[in-house]
PDB file of all heavy atoms in Angstrom:
ATOM      1  N   HIS A   1     121.663  42.657  52.655  1.00  0.00           N
ATOM      2  CA  HIS A   1     122.327  43.055  53.926  1.00  0.00           C
ATOM      3  C   HIS A   1     123.136  44.294  53.795  1.00  0.00           C
ATOM      4  O   HIS A   1     123.523  44.905  54.786  1.00  0.00           O
ATOM      5  CB  HIS A   1     123.260  41.966  54.368  1.00  0.00           C
ATOM      6  CG  HIS A   1     122.504  40.809  55.115  1.00  0.00           C
ATOM      7  ND1 HIS A   1     121.698  39.892  54.373  1.00  0.00           N
ATOM      8  CD2 HIS A   1     122.321  40.512  56.348  1.00  0.00           C
ATOM      9  CE1 HIS A   1     121.160  39.011  55.265  1.00  0.00           C
ATOM     10  NE2 HIS A   1     121.510  39.350  56.416  1.00  0.00           N
ATOM     11  N   LYS A   2     123.485  44.725  52.530  1.00  0.00           N
ATOM     12  CA  LYS A   2     124.231  46.007  52.450  1.00  0.00           C
ATOM     13  C   LYS A   2     123.357  47.177  51.951  1.00  0.00           C
ATOM     14  O   LYS A   2     123.857  48.269  51.687  1.00  0.00           O
ATOM     15  CB  LYS A   2     125.414  45.846  51.394  1.00  0.00           C
ATOM     16  CG  LYS A   2     126.416  44.741  51.737  1.00  0.00           C
ATOM     17  CD  LYS A   2     127.444  44.543  50.701  1.00  0.00           C
ATOM     18  CE  LYS A   2     128.472  43.463  50.973  1.00  0.00           C
ATOM     19  NZ  LYS A   2     129.435  43.241  49.913  1.00  0.00           N
ATOM     20  N   SER A   3     121.997  46.826  51.958  1.00  0.00           N
ATOM     21  CA  SER A   3     121.092  47.815  51.525  1.00  0.00           C
ATOM     22  C   SER A   3     120.283  48.450  52.713  1.00  0.00           C
ATOM     23  O   SER A   3     120.238  47.701  53.789  1.00  0.00           O
ATOM     24  CB  SER A   3     120.149  47.221  50.494  1.00  0.00           C
ATOM     25  OG  SER A   3     120.823  46.697  49.362  1.00  0.00           O
ATOM     26  N   ILE A   4     119.678  49.569  52.449  1.00  0.00           N
ATOM     27  CA  ILE A   4     118.800  50.182  53.501  1.00  0.00           C
ATOM     28  C   ILE A   4     117.263  50.177  53.002  1.00  0.00           C
ATOM     29  O   ILE A   4     117.045  50.413  51.918  1.00  0.00           O
ATOM     30  CB  ILE A   4     119.320  51.585  53.860  1.00  0.00           C
ATOM     31  CG1 ILE A   4     120.613  51.502  54.516  1.00  0.00           C
ATOM     32  CG2 ILE A   4     118.298  52.320  54.621  1.00  0.00           C
ATOM     33  CD1 ILE A   4     121.239  52.822  54.762  1.00  0.00           C
ATOM     34  N   HIS A   5     116.373  49.877  53.988  1.00  0.00           N
ATOM     35  CA  HIS A   5     115.005  49.908  53.653  1.00  0.00           C
ATOM     36  C   HIS A   5     114.735  51.368  53.102  1.00  0.00           C
ATOM     37  O   HIS A   5     114.979  52.353  53.790  1.00  0.00           O
ATOM     38  CB  HIS A   5     114.211  49.732  54.913  1.00  0.00           C
ATOM     39  CG  HIS A   5     112.735  49.450  54.693  1.00  0.00           C
ATOM     40  ND1 HIS A   5     111.855  50.399  54.160  1.00  0.00           N
ATOM     41  CD2 HIS A   5     111.954  48.297  54.849  1.00  0.00           C
ATOM     42  CE1 HIS A   5     110.664  49.919  54.054  1.00  0.00           C
ATOM     43  NE2 HIS A   5     110.660  48.565  54.407  1.00  0.00           N
ATOM     44  N   PRO A   6     114.173  51.507  51.967  1.00  0.00           N
ATOM     45  CA  PRO A   6     114.050  52.850  51.290  1.00  0.00           C
ATOM     46  C   PRO A   6     113.175  53.735  52.081  1.00  0.00           C
ATOM     47  O   PRO A   6     113.394  55.009  51.942  1.00  0.00           O
ATOM     48  CB  PRO A   6     113.477  52.567  49.887  1.00  0.00           C
ATOM     49  CG  PRO A   6     112.885  51.103  50.027  1.00  0.00           C
ATOM     50  CD  PRO A   6     113.675  50.419  51.024  1.00  0.00           C
ATOM     51  N   GLU A   7     112.212  53.249  52.873  1.00  0.00           N
ATOM     52  CA  GLU A   7     111.382  54.164  53.615  1.00  0.00           C
ATOM     53  C   GLU A   7     112.120  54.759  54.869  1.00  0.00           C
ATOM     54  O   GLU A   7     111.643  55.810  55.290  1.00  0.00           O
ATOM     55  CB  GLU A   7     110.052  53.409  54.049  1.00  0.00           C
ATOM     56  CG  GLU A   7     109.201  53.137  52.951  1.00  0.00           C
ATOM     57  CD  GLU A   7     107.868  52.544  53.560  1.00  0.00           C
ATOM     58  OE1 GLU A   7     106.935  53.332  53.879  1.00  0.00           O
ATOM     59  OE2 GLU A   7     107.720  51.261  53.581  1.00  0.00           O
ATOM     60  N   LEU A   8     113.251  54.186  55.213  1.00  0.00           N
ATOM     61  CA  LEU A   8     114.054  54.769  56.199  1.00  0.00           C
ATOM     62  C   LEU A   8     114.920  55.864  55.754  1.00  0.00           C
ATOM     63  O   LEU A   8     115.281  56.905  56.441  1.00  0.00           O
ATOM     64  CB  LEU A   8     114.848  53.767  56.933  1.00  0.00           C
ATOM     65  CG  LEU A   8     114.275  52.718  57.796  1.00  0.00           C
ATOM     66  CD1 LEU A   8     115.217  51.701  58.228  1.00  0.00           C
ATOM     67  CD2 LEU A   8     113.649  53.309  59.041  1.00  0.00           C
ATOM     68  N   GLY A   9     115.343  55.824  54.497  1.00  0.00           N
ATOM     69  CA  GLY A   9     116.231  56.827  53.866  1.00  0.00           C
ATOM     70  C   GLY A   9     117.272  56.209  53.037  1.00  0.00           C
ATOM     71  O   GLY A   9     117.186  55.079  52.647  1.00  0.00           O
ATOM     72  N   THR A  10     118.311  56.921  52.840  1.00  0.00           N
ATOM     73  CA  THR A  10     119.420  56.436  52.033  1.00  0.00           C
ATOM     74  C   THR A  10     120.683  56.176  52.901  1.00  0.00           C
ATOM     75  O   THR A  10     120.628  56.519  54.111  1.00  0.00           O
ATOM     76  CB  THR A  10     119.760  57.543  51.027  1.00  0.00           C
ATOM     77  OG1 THR A  10     120.340  58.681  51.705  1.00  0.00           O
ATOM     78  CG2 THR A  10     118.600  57.889  50.140  1.00  0.00           C
ATOM     79  N   GLU A  11     121.700  55.625  52.358  1.00  0.00           N
ATOM     80  CA  GLU A  11     122.911  55.396  53.005  1.00  0.00           C
ATOM     81  C   GLU A  11     123.579  56.630  53.512  1.00  0.00           C
ATOM     82  O   GLU A  11     124.033  56.819  54.549  1.00  0.00           O
ATOM     83  CB  GLU A  11     123.911  54.609  52.169  1.00  0.00           C
ATOM     84  CG  GLU A  11     125.117  54.133  52.928  1.00  0.00           C
ATOM     85  CD  GLU A  11     125.996  53.206  52.078  1.00  0.00           C
ATOM     86  OE1 GLU A  11     125.637  52.061  51.846  1.00  0.00           O
ATOM     87  OE2 GLU A  11     127.144  53.596  51.660  1.00  0.00           O
ATOM     88  N   LYS A  12     123.372  57.713  52.603  1.00  0.00           N
ATOM     89  CA  LYS A  12     123.871  58.963  53.020  1.00  0.00           C
ATOM     90  C   LYS A  12     123.146  59.479  54.294  1.00  0.00           C
ATOM     91  O   LYS A  12     123.769  60.021  55.183  1.00  0.00           O
ATOM     92  CB  LYS A  12     123.704  59.958  51.809  1.00  0.00           C
ATOM     93  CG  LYS A  12     124.164  61.472  52.184  1.00  0.00           C
ATOM     94  CD  LYS A  12     123.912  62.284  50.951  1.00  0.00           C
ATOM     95  CE  LYS A  12     124.430  63.688  51.234  1.00  0.00           C
ATOM     96  NZ  LYS A  12     124.165  64.617  50.091  1.00  0.00           N
ATOM     97  N   ASP A  13     121.836  59.331  54.289  1.00  0.00           N
ATOM     98  CA  ASP A  13     121.080  59.677  55.501  1.00  0.00           C
ATOM     99  C   ASP A  13     121.537  58.965  56.722  1.00  0.00           C
ATOM    100  O   ASP A  13     121.618  59.545  57.832  1.00  0.00           O
ATOM    101  CB  ASP A  13     119.581  59.419  55.235  1.00  0.00           C
ATOM    102  CG  ASP A  13     118.957  60.243  54.136  1.00  0.00           C
ATOM    103  OD1 ASP A  13     119.489  61.335  53.981  1.00  0.00           O
ATOM    104  OD2 ASP A  13     117.945  59.790  53.578  1.00  0.00           O
ATOM    105  N   PHE A  14     121.744  57.710  56.524  1.00  0.00           N
ATOM    106  CA  PHE A  14     122.334  56.914  57.650  1.00  0.00           C
ATOM    107  C   PHE A  14     123.619  57.447  58.140  1.00  0.00           C
ATOM    108  O   PHE A  14     123.807  57.505  59.383  1.00  0.00           O
ATOM    109  CB  PHE A  14     122.464  55.454  57.328  1.00  0.00           C
ATOM    110  CG  PHE A  14     122.848  54.552  58.407  1.00  0.00           C
ATOM    111  CD1 PHE A  14     122.085  54.278  59.495  1.00  0.00           C
ATOM    112  CD2 PHE A  14     124.173  54.020  58.333  1.00  0.00           C
ATOM    113  CE1 PHE A  14     122.603  53.456  60.506  1.00  0.00           C
ATOM    114  CE2 PHE A  14     124.685  53.213  59.411  1.00  0.00           C
ATOM    115  CZ  PHE A  14     123.881  52.910  60.429  1.00  0.00           C
ATOM    116  N   LYS A  15     124.518  57.625  57.324  1.00  0.00           N
ATOM    117  CA  LYS A  15     125.862  58.191  57.702  1.00  0.00           C
ATOM    118  C   LYS A  15     125.732  59.483  58.407  1.00  0.00           C
ATOM    119  O   LYS A  15     126.440  59.814  59.368  1.00  0.00           O
ATOM    120  CB  LYS A  15     126.774  58.359  56.444  1.00  0.00           C
ATOM    121  CG  LYS A  15     127.200  56.969  55.849  1.00  0.00           C
ATOM    122  CD  LYS A  15     128.065  57.306  54.667  1.00  0.00           C
ATOM    123  CE  LYS A  15     128.617  55.960  54.031  1.00  0.00           C
ATOM    124  NZ  LYS A  15     129.417  56.194  52.830  1.00  0.00           N
ATOM    125  N   GLN A  16     124.745  60.336  57.984  1.00  0.00           N
ATOM    126  CA  GLN A  16     124.490  61.629  58.659  1.00  0.00           C
ATOM    127  C   GLN A  16     124.019  61.415  60.024  1.00  0.00           C
ATOM    128  O   GLN A  16     124.336  62.080  60.976  1.00  0.00           O
ATOM    129  CB  GLN A  16     123.540  62.376  57.779  1.00  0.00           C
ATOM    130  CG  GLN A  16     123.299  63.854  58.329  1.00  0.00           C
ATOM    131  CD  GLN A  16     124.470  64.793  58.307  1.00  0.00           C
ATOM    132  OE1 GLN A  16     125.418  64.451  57.568  1.00  0.00           O
ATOM    133  NE2 GLN A  16     124.304  65.855  59.092  1.00  0.00           N
ATOM    134  N   LEU A  17     123.042  60.435  60.249  1.00  0.00           N
ATOM    135  CA  LEU A  17     122.602  60.111  61.454  1.00  0.00           C
ATOM    136  C   LEU A  17     123.695  59.667  62.441  1.00  0.00           C
ATOM    137  O   LEU A  17     123.754  60.107  63.636  1.00  0.00           O
ATOM    138  CB  LEU A  17     121.530  58.968  61.362  1.00  0.00           C
ATOM    139  CG  LEU A  17     120.955  58.410  62.667  1.00  0.00           C
ATOM    140  CD1 LEU A  17     120.284  59.437  63.551  1.00  0.00           C
ATOM    141  CD2 LEU A  17     120.062  57.198  62.358  1.00  0.00           C
ATOM    142  N   VAL A  18     124.577  58.803  61.928  1.00  0.00           N
ATOM    143  CA  VAL A  18     125.667  58.255  62.746  1.00  0.00           C
ATOM    144  C   VAL A  18     126.530  59.398  63.182  1.00  0.00           C
ATOM    145  O   VAL A  18     126.985  59.595  64.360  1.00  0.00           O
ATOM    146  CB  VAL A  18     126.490  57.266  62.023  1.00  0.00           C
ATOM    147  CG1 VAL A  18     127.825  56.958  62.695  1.00  0.00           C
ATOM    148  CG2 VAL A  18     125.703  55.969  61.692  1.00  0.00           C
ATOM    149  N   LYS A  19     126.826  60.428  62.367  1.00  0.00           N
ATOM    150  CA  LYS A  19     127.592  61.507  62.571  1.00  0.00           C
ATOM    151  C   LYS A  19     126.943  62.383  63.622  1.00  0.00           C
ATOM    152  O   LYS A  19     127.657  62.876  64.524  1.00  0.00           O
ATOM    153  CB  LYS A  19     127.851  62.317  61.256  1.00  0.00           C
ATOM    154  CG  LYS A  19     128.760  63.572  61.405  1.00  0.00           C
ATOM    155  CD  LYS A  19     128.967  64.217  60.141  1.00  0.00           C
ATOM    156  CE  LYS A  19     129.925  65.472  60.334  1.00  0.00           C
ATOM    157  NZ  LYS A  19     130.119  66.132  58.931  1.00  0.00           N
ATOM    158  N   LYS A  20     125.692  62.696  63.463  1.00  0.00           N
ATOM    159  CA  LYS A  20     124.945  63.563  64.511  1.00  0.00           C
ATOM    160  C   LYS A  20     124.865  62.896  65.799  1.00  0.00           C
ATOM    161  O   LYS A  20     124.922  63.520  66.806  1.00  0.00           O
ATOM    162  CB  LYS A  20     123.589  63.926  63.923  1.00  0.00           C
ATOM    163  CG  LYS A  20     123.686  64.908  62.783  1.00  0.00           C
ATOM    164  CD  LYS A  20     122.332  65.527  62.368  1.00  0.00           C
ATOM    165  CE  LYS A  20     122.448  66.591  61.318  1.00  0.00           C
ATOM    166  NZ  LYS A  20     121.079  67.227  61.045  1.00  0.00           N
ATOM    167  N   ALA A  21     124.718  61.533  65.796  1.00  0.00           N
ATOM    168  CA  ALA A  21     124.769  60.890  67.114  1.00  0.00           C
ATOM    169  C   ALA A  21     126.054  61.016  67.797  1.00  0.00           C
ATOM    170  O   ALA A  21     126.030  61.262  68.998  1.00  0.00           O
ATOM    171  CB  ALA A  21     124.368  59.410  66.831  1.00  0.00           C
ATOM    172  N   LYS A  22     127.185  60.888  67.120  1.00  0.00           N
ATOM    173  CA  LYS A  22     128.421  61.064  67.733  1.00  0.00           C
ATOM    174  C   LYS A  22     128.637  62.392  68.284  1.00  0.00           C
ATOM    175  O   LYS A  22     129.275  62.591  69.379  1.00  0.00           O
ATOM    176  CB  LYS A  22     129.517  60.771  66.691  1.00  0.00           C
ATOM    177  CG  LYS A  22     129.656  59.297  66.424  1.00  0.00           C
ATOM    178  CD  LYS A  22     130.812  59.016  65.386  1.00  0.00           C
ATOM    179  CE  LYS A  22     130.894  57.432  65.154  1.00  0.00           C
ATOM    180  NZ  LYS A  22     132.076  57.133  64.245  1.00  0.00           N
ATOM    181  N   ALA A  23     127.998  63.317  67.688  1.00  0.00           N
ATOM    182  CA  ALA A  23     128.147  64.736  68.213  1.00  0.00           C
ATOM    183  C   ALA A  23     127.336  64.886  69.539  1.00  0.00           C
ATOM    184  O   ALA A  23     127.588  65.683  70.346  1.00  0.00           O
ATOM    185  CB  ALA A  23     127.617  65.728  67.208  1.00  0.00           C
ATOM    186  N   GLU A  24     126.361  63.993  69.740  1.00  0.00           N
ATOM    187  CA  GLU A  24     125.618  63.993  70.960  1.00  0.00           C
ATOM    188  C   GLU A  24     126.237  63.015  71.989  1.00  0.00           C
ATOM    189  O   GLU A  24     125.724  62.767  73.051  1.00  0.00           O
ATOM    190  CB  GLU A  24     124.199  63.519  70.746  1.00  0.00           C
ATOM    191  CG  GLU A  24     123.375  64.486  69.902  1.00  0.00           C
ATOM    192  CD  GLU A  24     122.847  65.718  70.674  1.00  0.00           C
ATOM    193  OE1 GLU A  24     123.056  65.752  71.967  1.00  0.00           O
ATOM    194  OE2 GLU A  24     122.204  66.571  70.044  1.00  0.00           O
ATOM    195  N   GLY A  25     127.383  62.402  71.679  1.00  0.00           N
ATOM    196  CA  GLY A  25     127.993  61.456  72.609  1.00  0.00           C
ATOM    197  C   GLY A  25     127.410  60.060  72.487  1.00  0.00           C
ATOM    198  O   GLY A  25     127.460  59.312  73.423  1.00  0.00           O
ATOM    199  N   ILE A  26     126.768  59.772  71.384  1.00  0.00           N
ATOM    200  CA  ILE A  26     126.051  58.515  71.169  1.00  0.00           C
ATOM    201  C   ILE A  26     126.682  57.740  69.954  1.00  0.00           C
ATOM    202  O   ILE A  26     126.934  58.316  68.965  1.00  0.00           O
ATOM    203  CB  ILE A  26     124.594  58.733  70.977  1.00  0.00           C
ATOM    204  CG1 ILE A  26     123.969  59.397  72.107  1.00  0.00           C
ATOM    205  CG2 ILE A  26     123.873  57.380  70.573  1.00  0.00           C
ATOM    206  CD1 ILE A  26     122.492  59.855  71.898  1.00  0.00           C
ATOM    207  N   GLU A  27     126.912  56.382  70.175  1.00  0.00           N
ATOM    208  CA  GLU A  27     127.354  55.617  69.106  1.00  0.00           C
ATOM    209  C   GLU A  27     126.086  54.761  68.532  1.00  0.00           C
ATOM    210  O   GLU A  27     125.361  54.229  69.403  1.00  0.00           O
ATOM    211  CB  GLU A  27     128.452  54.600  69.486  1.00  0.00           C
ATOM    212  CG  GLU A  27     129.746  55.278  69.715  1.00  0.00           C
ATOM    213  CD  GLU A  27     130.861  54.299  69.963  1.00  0.00           C
ATOM    214  OE1 GLU A  27     131.093  53.430  69.107  1.00  0.00           O
ATOM    215  OE2 GLU A  27     131.508  54.294  71.096  1.00  0.00           O
ATOM    216  N   VAL A  28     125.919  54.658  67.339  1.00  0.00           N
ATOM    217  CA  VAL A  28     124.839  53.841  66.785  1.00  0.00           C
ATOM    218  C   VAL A  28     125.260  52.416  66.597  1.00  0.00           C
ATOM    219  O   VAL A  28     126.318  52.096  65.841  1.00  0.00           O
ATOM    220  CB  VAL A  28     124.457  54.417  65.422  1.00  0.00           C
ATOM    221  CG1 VAL A  28     123.410  53.477  64.719  1.00  0.00           C
ATOM    222  CG2 VAL A  28     123.802  55.780  65.550  1.00  0.00           C
ATOM    223  N   ALA A  29     124.586  51.560  67.240  1.00  0.00           N
ATOM    224  CA  ALA A  29     124.872  50.090  67.074  1.00  0.00           C
ATOM    225  C   ALA A  29     123.928  49.463  66.100  1.00  0.00           C
ATOM    226  O   ALA A  29     122.741  49.729  66.087  1.00  0.00           O
ATOM    227  CB  ALA A  29     124.736  49.442  68.404  1.00  0.00           C
ATOM    228  N   MET A  30     124.438  48.658  65.245  1.00  0.00           N
ATOM    229  CA  MET A  30     123.637  47.994  64.153  1.00  0.00           C
ATOM    230  C   MET A  30     123.445  46.504  64.551  1.00  0.00           C
ATOM    231  O   MET A  30     124.200  45.956  65.286  1.00  0.00           O
ATOM    232  CB  MET A  30     124.344  48.051  62.801  1.00  0.00           C
ATOM    233  CG  MET A  30     124.029  49.257  62.077  1.00  0.00           C
ATOM    234  SD  MET A  30     124.533  49.080  60.369  1.00  0.00           S
ATOM    235  CE  MET A  30     123.530  47.719  59.754  1.00  0.00           C
ATOM    236  N   ASP A  31     122.467  46.040  63.995  1.00  0.00           N
ATOM    237  CA  ASP A  31     122.116  44.571  64.167  1.00  0.00           C
ATOM    238  C   ASP A  31     122.800  43.864  62.995  1.00  0.00           C
ATOM    239  O   ASP A  31     122.609  44.085  61.829  1.00  0.00           O
ATOM    240  CB  ASP A  31     120.534  44.398  64.146  1.00  0.00           C
ATOM    241  CG  ASP A  31     120.186  43.026  64.798  1.00  0.00           C
ATOM    242  OD1 ASP A  31     120.525  42.019  64.195  1.00  0.00           O
ATOM    243  OD2 ASP A  31     119.454  43.032  65.742  1.00  0.00           O
ATOM    244  N   LEU A  32     123.484  42.802  63.375  1.00  0.00           N
ATOM    245  CA  LEU A  32     123.965  41.787  62.438  1.00  0.00           C
ATOM    246  C   LEU A  32     123.149  40.545  62.487  1.00  0.00           C
ATOM    247  O   LEU A  32     123.244  39.691  63.500  1.00  0.00           O
ATOM    248  CB  LEU A  32     125.478  41.404  62.748  1.00  0.00           C
ATOM    249  CG  LEU A  32     126.604  42.305  62.202  1.00  0.00           C
ATOM    250  CD1 LEU A  32     127.939  41.652  62.483  1.00  0.00           C
ATOM    251  CD2 LEU A  32     126.434  42.621  60.723  1.00  0.00           C
ATOM    252  N   ALA A  33     122.228  40.309  61.557  1.00  0.00           N
ATOM    253  CA  ALA A  33     121.346  39.224  61.569  1.00  0.00           C
ATOM    254  C   ALA A  33     121.716  38.385  60.295  1.00  0.00           C
ATOM    255  O   ALA A  33     121.141  38.768  59.214  1.00  0.00           O
ATOM    256  CB  ALA A  33     119.912  39.722  61.563  1.00  0.00           C
ATOM    257  N   PHE A  34     122.530  37.409  60.424  1.00  0.00           N
ATOM    258  CA  PHE A  34     122.927  36.635  59.258  1.00  0.00           C
ATOM    259  C   PHE A  34     121.929  35.545  58.930  1.00  0.00           C
ATOM    260  O   PHE A  34     122.073  34.376  59.243  1.00  0.00           O
ATOM    261  CB  PHE A  34     124.378  36.083  59.491  1.00  0.00           C
ATOM    262  CG  PHE A  34     125.415  37.149  59.433  1.00  0.00           C
ATOM    263  CD1 PHE A  34     126.638  36.958  60.101  1.00  0.00           C
ATOM    264  CD2 PHE A  34     125.243  38.276  58.732  1.00  0.00           C
ATOM    265  CE1 PHE A  34     127.666  37.909  60.054  1.00  0.00           C
ATOM    266  CE2 PHE A  34     126.231  39.284  58.767  1.00  0.00           C
ATOM    267  CZ  PHE A  34     127.410  39.071  59.360  1.00  0.00           C
ATOM    268  N   GLN A  35     120.867  35.980  58.265  1.00  0.00           N
ATOM    269  CA  GLN A  35     119.805  35.143  57.785  1.00  0.00           C
ATOM    270  C   GLN A  35     119.103  35.837  56.678  1.00  0.00           C
ATOM    271  O   GLN A  35     119.438  37.080  56.427  1.00  0.00           O
ATOM    272  CB  GLN A  35     118.769  34.867  58.920  1.00  0.00           C
ATOM    273  CG  GLN A  35     118.202  36.069  59.538  1.00  0.00           C
ATOM    274  CD  GLN A  35     117.826  35.959  60.906  1.00  0.00           C
ATOM    275  OE1 GLN A  35     118.324  35.258  61.672  1.00  0.00           O
ATOM    276  NE2 GLN A  35     116.809  36.763  61.331  1.00  0.00           N
ATOM    277  N   ALA A  36     118.297  35.218  55.953  1.00  0.00           N
ATOM    278  CA  ALA A  36     117.719  35.874  54.770  1.00  0.00           C
ATOM    279  C   ALA A  36     116.179  35.572  54.661  1.00  0.00           C
ATOM    280  O   ALA A  36     115.709  34.641  55.131  1.00  0.00           O
ATOM    281  CB  ALA A  36     118.404  35.352  53.524  1.00  0.00           C
ATOM    282  N   ALA A  37     115.451  36.563  54.034  1.00  0.00           N
ATOM    283  CA  ALA A  37     114.084  36.302  53.680  1.00  0.00           C
ATOM    284  C   ALA A  37     114.057  35.482  52.399  1.00  0.00           C
ATOM    285  O   ALA A  37     115.131  35.308  51.678  1.00  0.00           O
ATOM    286  CB  ALA A  37     113.423  37.652  53.440  1.00  0.00           C
TER     287      ALA A  37
END
């Protein structure tokens, strides 16, 4: 749950996406799914 699917990118990439979204007036909402494979 604290990891990112590697094909999507890295945590650094995700933080960069969040930052760029905010610059566009957009907040990134995440899914909290408390279950496990």
